[in-house]
Amino acid sequence: MGAIERNGYVFEPEYSVIEQNGAIHVYNKGTFVEEVTFSFSGKYPEPKQIEELIEKYCNVRGI
């Protein structure tokens, strides 16, 4: 899954299959804002899980 853009923010997911965890790096206008971490099971995180994390992030921060 590649970067996702929402209202000027860019969300770049990455994950480790071995460690079963991942992070979404959040950027605004090219500047790093923060890292949102998560865990998953299986071979990779489901795209729906990543979308839900981004949606929650945007709702909490009013983005």
C-alpha atoms as a PDB file:
ATOM      1  CA  MET A   1       0.000   0.000   0.000  1.00  0.00           C
ATOM      2  CA  GLY A   2       1.373   3.407  -0.929  1.00  0.00           C
ATOM      3  CA  ALA A   3       0.961   6.832   0.585  1.00  0.00           C
ATOM      4  CA  ILE A   4      -2.535   8.149   1.277  1.00  0.00           C
ATOM      5  CA  GLU A   5      -3.365  11.860   1.077  1.00  0.00           C
ATOM      6  CA  ARG A   6      -6.134  13.548   3.063  1.00  0.00           C
ATOM      7  CA  ASN A   7      -6.718  17.305   3.323  1.00  0.00           C
ATOM      8  CA  GLY A   8      -3.080  18.220   2.727  1.00  0.00           C
ATOM      9  CA  TYR A   9      -1.717  15.482   5.001  1.00  0.00           C
ATOM     10  CA  VAL A  10       0.190  12.490   3.663  1.00  0.00           C
ATOM     11  CA  PHE A  11       0.091   9.147   5.477  1.00  0.00           C
ATOM     12  CA  GLU A  12       2.854   6.660   4.645  1.00  0.00           C
ATOM     13  CA  PRO A  13       2.289   3.183   6.103  1.00  0.00           C
ATOM     14  CA  GLU A  14       5.090   0.701   6.670  1.00  0.00           C
ATOM     15  CA  TYR A  15       5.125  -2.609   8.499  1.00  0.00           C
ATOM     16  CA  SER A  16       7.205  -5.589   9.582  1.00  0.00           C
ATOM     17  CA  VAL A  17       5.760  -9.037   8.920  1.00  0.00           C
ATOM     18  CA  ILE A  18       8.297 -10.643  11.274  1.00  0.00           C
ATOM     19  CA  GLU A  19       7.464  -8.376  14.214  1.00  0.00           C
ATOM     20  CA  GLN A  20       3.746  -8.094  13.330  1.00  0.00           C
ATOM     21  CA  ASN A  21       3.703  -4.337  13.856  1.00  0.00           C
ATOM     22  CA  GLY A  22       3.648  -1.240  11.730  1.00  0.00           C
ATOM     23  CA  ALA A  23       3.598   2.523  11.672  1.00  0.00           C
ATOM     24  CA  ILE A  24       1.937   5.250   9.698  1.00  0.00           C
ATOM     25  CA  HIS A  25       4.171   8.280   9.222  1.00  0.00           C
ATOM     26  CA  VAL A  26       2.151  11.481   9.062  1.00  0.00           C
ATOM     27  CA  TYR A  27       3.378  14.497   7.047  1.00  0.00           C
ATOM     28  CA  ASN A  28       1.870  17.922   6.513  1.00  0.00           C
ATOM     29  CA  LYS A  29       3.240  19.980   3.613  1.00  0.00           C
ATOM     30  CA  GLY A  30       6.308  17.726   3.531  1.00  0.00           C
ATOM     31  CA  THR A  31       7.071  18.135   7.236  1.00  0.00           C
ATOM     32  CA  PHE A  32       6.991  15.087   9.496  1.00  0.00           C
ATOM     33  CA  VAL A  33       4.218  15.438  12.120  1.00  0.00           C
ATOM     34  CA  GLU A  34       4.183  12.143  14.003  1.00  0.00           C
ATOM     35  CA  GLU A  35       4.206   8.359  13.844  1.00  0.00           C
ATOM     36  CA  VAL A  36       1.092   6.295  14.560  1.00  0.00           C
ATOM     37  CA  THR A  37       1.947   2.716  15.538  1.00  0.00           C
ATOM     38  CA  PHE A  38      -0.236  -0.380  15.235  1.00  0.00           C
ATOM     39  CA  SER A  39      -0.071  -4.172  15.337  1.00  0.00           C
ATOM     40  CA  PHE A  40      -1.632  -6.769  13.061  1.00  0.00           C
ATOM     41  CA  SER A  41      -1.848 -10.509  12.492  1.00  0.00           C
ATOM     42  CA  GLY A  42      -1.323 -12.451   9.308  1.00  0.00           C
ATOM     43  CA  LYS A  43       0.992 -11.832   6.394  1.00  0.00           C
ATOM     44  CA  TYR A  44       0.301  -8.107   6.213  1.00  0.00           C
ATOM     45  CA  PRO A  45      -2.065  -5.494   7.662  1.00  0.00           C
ATOM     46  CA  GLU A  46      -5.408  -5.303   5.911  1.00  0.00           C
ATOM     47  CA  PRO A  47      -5.888  -2.105   3.883  1.00  0.00           C
ATOM     48  CA  LYS A  48      -9.159  -1.584   5.772  1.00  0.00           C
ATOM     49  CA  GLN A  49      -7.248  -1.528   9.083  1.00  0.00           C
ATOM     50  CA  ILE A  50      -4.905   1.186   7.785  1.00  0.00           C
ATOM     51  CA  GLU A  51      -7.815   3.204   6.380  1.00  0.00           C
ATOM     52  CA  GLU A  52      -9.608   3.000   9.737  1.00  0.00           C
ATOM     53  CA  LEU A  53      -6.506   4.182  11.607  1.00  0.00           C
ATOM     54  CA  ILE A  54      -6.134   7.150   9.256  1.00  0.00           C
ATOM     55  CA  GLU A  55      -9.839   7.979   9.543  1.00  0.00           C
ATOM     56  CA  LYS A  56      -9.658   7.891  13.340  1.00  0.00           C
ATOM     57  CA  TYR A  57      -6.513  10.067  13.287  1.00  0.00           C
ATOM     58  CA  CYS A  58      -8.221  12.643  11.083  1.00  0.00           C
ATOM     59  CA  ASN A  59     -11.415  12.683  13.167  1.00  0.00           C
ATOM     60  CA  VAL A  60      -9.603  13.119  16.483  1.00  0.00           C
ATOM     61  CA  ARG A  61      -7.463  15.970  15.117  1.00  0.00           C
ATOM     62  CA  GLY A  62     -10.185  17.650  13.059  1.00  0.00           C
ATOM     63  CA  ILE A  63      -8.383  17.119   9.763  1.00  0.00           C
END
